[in-house]
Protein backbone atom coordinates (compact mmCIF):
# COMPACT_ATOMS: atom_id res chain seq x y z
CA UNK A 1 -0.19 0.25 -0.14
CA UNK A 2 1.27 3.03 -0.83
CA UNK A 3 2.12 6.05 1.78
CA UNK A 4 0.19 8.35 1.46
CA UNK A 5 -2.81 5.68 1.68
CA UNK A 6 -1.74 4.79 4.40
CA UNK A 7 -1.90 7.36 6.27
CA UNK A 8 -4.75 8.20 5.12
CA UNK A 9 -6.40 5.09 6.28
CA UNK A 10 -5.19 5.17 9.61
CA UNK A 11 -6.09 9.16 10.04
CA UNK A 12 -9.79 8.06 9.22
CA UNK A 13 -9.35 5.29 11.86
CA UNK A 14 -8.18 8.04 14.50
CA UNK A 15 -11.22 10.81 13.56
CA UNK A 16 -13.41 8.05 14.20
CA UNK A 17 -11.63 7.36 17.55
CA UNK A 18 -12.10 10.64 18.60
CA UNK A 19 -15.46 11.06 17.94
CA UNK A 20 -16.50 8.10 19.39
CA UNK A 21 -14.25 8.88 22.16
CA UNK A 22 -15.85 11.41 22.75
CA UNK A 23 -19.71 9.94 22.24
CA UNK A 24 -18.86 7.39 25.00
CA UNK A 25 -17.04 10.25 27.15
CA UNK A 26 -20.21 11.85 27.58
CA UNK A 27 -22.21 8.66 28.34
CA UNK A 28 -23.47 8.79 32.39
CA UNK A 29 -21.78 5.51 32.66
CA UNK A 30 -18.58 5.58 30.48
CA UNK A 31 -16.23 3.18 31.60
CA UNK A 32 -13.09 4.71 31.98
CA UNK A 33 -11.18 1.46 31.10
CA UNK A 34 -13.08 1.67 27.72
CA UNK A 35 -12.17 5.28 27.21
CA UNK A 36 -8.36 5.44 28.20
CA UNK A 37 -8.09 2.19 26.43
CA UNK A 38 -9.13 3.83 23.01
CA UNK A 39 -7.60 7.46 24.25
CA UNK A 40 -4.02 5.00 24.02
CA UNK A 41 -5.22 3.38 20.91
CA UNK A 42 -5.63 7.11 19.06
CA UNK A 43 -2.65 8.59 20.34
CA UNK A 44 -1.15 4.98 19.00
CA UNK A 45 -2.41 5.96 15.75
CA UNK A 46 -1.24 9.14 16.10
CA UNK A 47 2.28 8.81 16.54
CA UNK A 48 2.48 5.99 13.36
CA UNK A 49 0.72 8.68 11.18
CA UNK A 50 3.85 10.66 12.19
CA UNK A 51 6.70 8.40 11.78
CA UNK A 52 5.10 7.70 7.81
CA UNK A 53 5.05 11.56 7.53
CA UNK A 54 7.98 12.00 8.55
CA UNK A 55 9.61 9.32 6.99
CA UNK A 56 10.40 7.61 9.61
CA UNK A 57 9.96 3.18 9.60
CA UNK A 58 10.16 2.42 13.18
CA UNK A 59 8.28 -0.36 14.81
CA UNK A 60 5.28 0.96 17.37
CA UNK A 61 5.06 -1.17 20.46
CA UNK A 62 1.58 -1.99 20.46
């Protein structure tokens, strides 16, 4: 997969996850562990996107 396409895919997942976090966080019975897990995944996606944009092909621990 070309790098630009991979960045678009990861960015779309990041955006969807951000919306999910916002929705879940505002729910009265929000599961704080689930919100934390989703935020960690969002950060991992952001790191992958940045690594691809800067040309670093390092392996990111997940």
